[in-house]
């Protein structure tokens, strides 16, 4: 945990330049001030997301020791809870370490022609089992197969993250839609069916407390991956919230 926090600090904190001459004082927040505020928010949320599972693990471990150790059914239930809580912590740590590796100068993408429409179909199929359990509908709107040049495993992460972000903020009609749109020279991917009070900058850049289907680092990780692919991304607030990215068409 300490190593992760130290790497976060190195990632988001830059050395302040030493001015030769100070001509005026400005009250505008500097880039470094914003980075420091982001770092503080990130560290607070990471600490919170680790503290809750740790407290739960400790509590169930104590019950195993004092109460349920000799009761096979209760012991199995308590052990399963401990496993689930450790899985949550592992997911947060894995996404954070993924962020660190992608921000290294030697980060490598294995790009190739990729059928984005087919990848969206796979995302819908993969998350459909969750939709049955949690009572929402996930659907795909795509008229034709559209291709981009991208790292397949990384783009699988991006589509998963964007879909889960919407599911965690789903609107009352409980329908989340993925759209793959042909823009002549570009391909646009959209997710609709959610609502949020956050603006685009906050949603894409700020570590949010972990939700049911999201570790909290999700969209900042997706942002990093899309930037490495040269894609544009954002969120529109019009008649509904639209989470999107666009990139150049690739070879089929």
Protein backbone atom coordinates (compact mmCIF):
# COMPACT_ATOMS: atom_id res chain seq x y z
CA UNK A 1 0.00 0.00 0.00
CA UNK A 2 2.82 2.41 0.93
CA UNK A 3 4.63 1.70 -2.34
CA UNK A 4 1.47 2.45 -4.33
CA UNK A 5 0.98 5.78 -2.55
CA UNK A 6 4.64 6.70 -3.10
CA UNK A 7 4.33 5.94 -6.84
CA UNK A 8 1.15 8.02 -7.02
CA UNK A 9 3.03 10.96 -5.55
CA UNK A 10 5.88 10.62 -8.04
CA UNK A 11 3.39 10.29 -10.92
CA UNK A 12 1.30 13.39 -10.21
CA UNK A 13 3.77 15.71 -8.43
CA UNK A 14 6.24 17.65 -10.55
CA UNK A 15 9.13 19.86 -9.45
CA UNK A 16 8.20 23.54 -9.28
CA UNK A 17 10.31 25.70 -11.67
CA UNK A 18 12.49 28.31 -9.99
CA UNK A 19 11.55 31.79 -11.31
CA UNK A 20 14.33 34.17 -12.29
CA UNK A 21 12.28 37.22 -11.51
CA UNK A 22 8.87 37.67 -9.89
CA UNK A 23 6.94 40.51 -11.49
CA UNK A 24 3.45 39.95 -10.13
CA UNK A 25 1.41 37.77 -7.82
CA UNK A 26 -1.51 35.85 -9.28
CA UNK A 27 -4.31 34.11 -7.44
CA UNK A 28 -4.98 31.74 -10.36
CA UNK A 29 -4.28 28.12 -9.41
CA UNK A 30 -1.17 26.84 -11.18
CA UNK A 31 -0.91 23.51 -12.98
CA UNK A 32 1.12 22.24 -10.04
CA UNK A 33 -1.56 23.38 -7.59
CA UNK A 34 -4.17 21.45 -9.57
CA UNK A 35 -1.93 18.39 -9.66
CA UNK A 36 -1.38 18.64 -5.91
CA UNK A 37 -5.15 18.89 -5.32
CA UNK A 38 -5.73 15.90 -7.62
CA UNK A 39 -3.03 13.94 -5.79
CA UNK A 40 -4.61 14.72 -2.43
CA UNK A 41 -8.07 13.64 -3.64
CA UNK A 42 -6.62 10.48 -5.18
CA UNK A 43 -4.72 9.52 -2.04
CA UNK A 44 -7.79 10.12 0.13
CA UNK A 45 -10.02 7.99 -2.08
CA UNK A 46 -7.46 5.20 -2.44
CA UNK A 47 -7.00 5.14 1.34
CA UNK A 48 -10.78 5.02 1.79
CA UNK A 49 -11.16 2.21 -0.73
CA UNK A 50 -8.51 0.18 1.08
CA UNK A 51 -9.65 0.94 4.63
CA UNK A 52 -13.21 -0.43 4.22
CA UNK A 53 -12.15 -3.90 2.93
CA UNK A 54 -9.36 -4.08 5.52
CA UNK A 55 -11.83 -3.35 8.34
CA UNK A 56 -14.21 -5.98 6.94
CA UNK A 57 -11.43 -8.57 6.65
CA UNK A 58 -10.34 -7.94 10.22
CA UNK A 59 -13.92 -8.21 11.50
CA UNK A 60 -14.62 -11.51 9.72
CA UNK A 61 -11.23 -12.91 10.72
CA UNK A 62 -12.05 -12.18 14.36
CA UNK A 63 -15.43 -13.89 13.97
CA UNK A 64 -13.67 -16.91 12.47
CA UNK A 65 -11.39 -17.02 15.47
CA UNK A 66 -14.02 -16.42 18.16
CA UNK A 67 -17.36 -17.67 16.78
CA UNK A 68 -17.60 -19.52 13.48
CA UNK A 69 -14.39 -21.58 13.45
CA UNK A 70 -16.21 -24.77 14.42
CA UNK A 71 -19.36 -24.10 12.35
CA UNK A 72 -18.70 -25.24 8.73
CA UNK A 73 -21.53 -23.18 7.20
CA UNK A 74 -20.71 -19.91 8.97
CA UNK A 75 -17.00 -20.49 8.44
CA UNK A 76 -17.54 -20.86 4.69
CA UNK A 77 -19.67 -17.67 4.56
CA UNK A 78 -17.09 -15.64 6.48
CA UNK A 79 -14.20 -16.96 4.38
CA UNK A 80 -16.10 -16.09 1.18
CA UNK A 81 -16.57 -12.51 2.43
CA UNK A 82 -12.85 -12.24 3.17
CA UNK A 83 -12.04 -13.49 -0.34
CA UNK A 84 -14.43 -10.95 -1.90
CA UNK A 85 -12.93 -8.07 0.08
CA UNK A 86 -9.37 -9.03 -0.87
CA UNK A 87 -10.49 -9.22 -4.51
CA UNK A 88 -11.73 -5.61 -4.26
CA UNK A 89 -8.37 -4.45 -2.92
CA UNK A 90 -6.51 -6.41 -5.59
CA UNK A 91 -8.60 -4.80 -8.35
CA UNK A 92 -7.84 -1.28 -7.11
CA UNK A 93 -4.12 -2.07 -6.80
CA UNK A 94 -4.04 -3.71 -10.25
CA UNK A 95 -5.64 -0.70 -11.95
CA UNK A 96 -3.29 1.71 -10.17
CA UNK A 97 -0.22 -0.28 -11.18
CA UNK A 98 -1.60 -0.41 -14.73
CA UNK A 99 -1.78 3.40 -14.70
CA UNK A 100 1.83 3.62 -13.53
CA UNK A 101 3.10 1.28 -16.25
CA UNK A 102 1.25 3.19 -18.98
CA UNK A 103 2.82 6.47 -17.87
CA UNK A 104 6.34 5.06 -18.16
CA UNK A 105 8.37 6.30 -21.18
CA UNK A 106 8.80 2.74 -22.44
CA UNK A 107 5.07 1.86 -22.43
CA UNK A 108 4.30 -0.32 -25.47
CA UNK A 109 1.03 -0.80 -27.37
CA UNK A 110 0.51 -3.79 -29.66
CA UNK A 111 -1.69 -2.16 -32.27
CA UNK A 112 -3.30 -3.96 -35.18
CA UNK A 113 -6.47 -3.61 -37.32
CA UNK A 114 -9.33 -4.11 -34.86
CA UNK A 115 -13.07 -4.54 -35.47
CA UNK A 116 -14.46 -2.08 -32.91
CA UNK A 117 -18.05 -3.16 -33.57
CA UNK A 118 -17.19 -6.80 -32.82
CA UNK A 119 -15.38 -5.72 -29.65
CA UNK A 120 -18.49 -3.81 -28.56
CA UNK A 121 -20.59 -6.95 -29.15
CA UNK A 122 -18.20 -8.90 -26.94
CA UNK A 123 -18.50 -6.24 -24.22
CA UNK A 124 -22.29 -6.48 -24.26
CA UNK A 125 -22.14 -10.29 -24.11
CA UNK A 126 -19.63 -10.23 -21.26
CA UNK A 127 -21.68 -7.83 -19.13
CA UNK A 128 -25.08 -9.36 -19.92
CA UNK A 129 -24.77 -11.83 -17.01
CA UNK A 130 -24.46 -8.86 -14.66
CA UNK A 131 -27.53 -7.24 -16.23
CA UNK A 132 -29.66 -10.27 -15.29
CA UNK A 133 -28.47 -10.08 -11.68
CA UNK A 134 -28.80 -6.30 -11.24
CA UNK A 135 -31.92 -5.65 -13.33
CA UNK A 136 -30.62 -3.45 -16.15
CA UNK A 137 -30.48 -3.85 -19.92
CA UNK A 138 -27.30 -3.42 -21.95
CA UNK A 139 -27.76 -3.05 -25.71
CA UNK A 140 -25.68 -2.29 -28.81
CA UNK A 141 -26.56 0.09 -31.65
CA UNK A 142 -24.25 -0.53 -34.62
CA UNK A 143 -25.24 -0.77 -38.29
CA UNK A 144 -21.97 -2.06 -39.72
CA UNK A 145 -18.54 -3.34 -38.74
CA UNK A 146 -16.12 -0.44 -38.23
CA UNK A 147 -12.37 -0.82 -37.76
CA UNK A 148 -9.61 1.08 -35.96
CA UNK A 149 -5.92 0.47 -35.37
CA UNK A 150 -5.59 -0.34 -31.68
CA UNK A 151 -4.25 -2.67 -29.01
CA UNK A 152 -7.07 -5.23 -28.64
CA UNK A 153 -6.58 -6.10 -24.97
CA UNK A 154 -6.28 -2.42 -24.01
CA UNK A 155 -9.36 -1.41 -25.98
CA UNK A 156 -11.27 -4.25 -24.36
CA UNK A 157 -10.43 -2.49 -21.07
CA UNK A 158 -11.59 0.88 -22.41
CA UNK A 159 -15.00 -0.39 -23.57
CA UNK A 160 -15.49 -2.31 -20.33
CA UNK A 161 -14.63 0.75 -18.24
CA UNK A 162 -16.94 3.08 -20.18
CA UNK A 163 -19.87 0.63 -20.04
CA UNK A 164 -19.41 0.01 -16.31
CA UNK A 165 -19.13 3.74 -15.62
CA UNK A 166 -22.58 4.20 -17.18
CA UNK A 167 -24.05 1.17 -15.40
CA UNK A 168 -22.92 2.55 -12.03
CA UNK A 169 -24.76 5.82 -12.82
CA UNK A 170 -27.70 4.33 -14.71
CA UNK A 171 -30.88 6.34 -15.29
CA UNK A 172 -34.29 5.17 -13.94
CA UNK A 173 -35.21 3.34 -17.15
CA UNK A 174 -32.27 0.96 -16.47
CA UNK A 175 -31.12 0.80 -20.10
CA UNK A 176 -27.49 1.44 -21.09
CA UNK A 177 -26.70 1.63 -24.82
CA UNK A 178 -23.39 1.31 -26.65
CA UNK A 179 -23.18 2.99 -30.07
CA UNK A 180 -20.57 2.54 -32.81
CA UNK A 181 -20.96 5.39 -35.32
CA UNK A 182 -19.43 5.89 -38.77
CA UNK A 183 -18.10 9.46 -39.18
CA UNK A 184 -16.66 8.92 -42.69
CA UNK A 185 -12.97 9.25 -41.79
CA UNK A 186 -13.39 8.48 -38.10
CA UNK A 187 -15.17 6.03 -35.81
CA UNK A 188 -17.09 7.27 -32.78
CA UNK A 189 -17.96 5.08 -29.79
CA UNK A 190 -20.66 6.31 -27.41
CA UNK A 191 -22.27 5.15 -24.18
CA UNK A 192 -25.70 6.52 -23.17
CA UNK A 193 -28.27 5.76 -20.49
CA UNK A 194 -26.60 7.30 -17.44
CA UNK A 195 -26.58 10.57 -15.53
CA UNK A 196 -23.96 12.34 -13.45
CA UNK A 197 -23.48 15.69 -11.75
CA UNK A 198 -19.76 15.58 -12.57
CA UNK A 199 -18.43 17.53 -15.54
CA UNK A 200 -16.34 15.85 -18.23
CA UNK A 201 -13.00 16.85 -16.69
CA UNK A 202 -13.93 15.48 -13.26
CA UNK A 203 -15.36 12.24 -14.64
CA UNK A 204 -12.40 11.45 -16.92
CA UNK A 205 -9.60 12.65 -14.63
CA UNK A 206 -10.62 12.25 -10.99
CA UNK A 207 -10.31 9.05 -9.01
CA UNK A 208 -13.82 8.33 -7.74
CA UNK A 209 -14.63 6.13 -4.73
CA UNK A 210 -14.98 2.54 -5.94
CA UNK A 211 -18.47 1.48 -7.03
CA UNK A 212 -20.08 -1.90 -7.60
CA UNK A 213 -18.54 -2.45 -11.06
CA UNK A 214 -15.68 0.05 -10.98
CA UNK A 215 -12.46 0.33 -8.99
CA UNK A 216 -12.55 4.13 -9.15
CA UNK A 217 -9.44 4.43 -11.31
CA UNK A 218 -11.44 3.26 -14.34
CA UNK A 219 -11.98 6.36 -16.48
CA UNK A 220 -8.57 7.91 -15.70
CA UNK A 221 -7.09 4.60 -16.90
CA UNK A 222 -9.29 4.66 -20.03
CA UNK A 223 -8.23 8.28 -20.63
CA UNK A 224 -4.57 7.27 -20.54
CA UNK A 225 -5.17 4.39 -22.96
CA UNK A 226 -7.14 6.56 -25.39
CA UNK A 227 -4.48 9.28 -25.28
CA UNK A 228 -1.80 6.72 -26.12
CA UNK A 229 -3.90 5.71 -29.16
CA UNK A 230 -4.28 9.33 -30.29
CA UNK A 231 -8.06 9.29 -29.71
CA UNK A 232 -10.25 12.22 -28.70
CA UNK A 233 -12.66 11.65 -25.82
CA UNK A 234 -15.20 13.47 -23.70
CA UNK A 235 -18.69 13.65 -22.27
CA UNK A 236 -21.61 15.67 -23.62
CA UNK A 237 -24.49 17.01 -21.54
CA UNK A 238 -27.34 17.65 -23.93
CA UNK A 239 -30.68 15.86 -23.73
CA UNK A 240 -28.77 13.04 -22.06
CA UNK A 241 -25.23 12.27 -20.90
CA UNK A 242 -23.03 10.80 -23.63
CA UNK A 243 -19.63 9.32 -22.85
CA UNK A 244 -17.61 9.07 -26.08
CA UNK A 245 -14.35 8.75 -27.93
CA UNK A 246 -13.37 9.22 -31.58
CA UNK A 247 -10.38 7.97 -33.57
CA UNK A 248 -9.24 7.55 -37.13
CA UNK A 249 -10.55 4.60 -39.10
CA UNK A 250 -8.18 1.67 -39.46
CA UNK A 251 -7.55 -1.01 -42.02
CA UNK A 252 -9.94 -3.95 -42.23
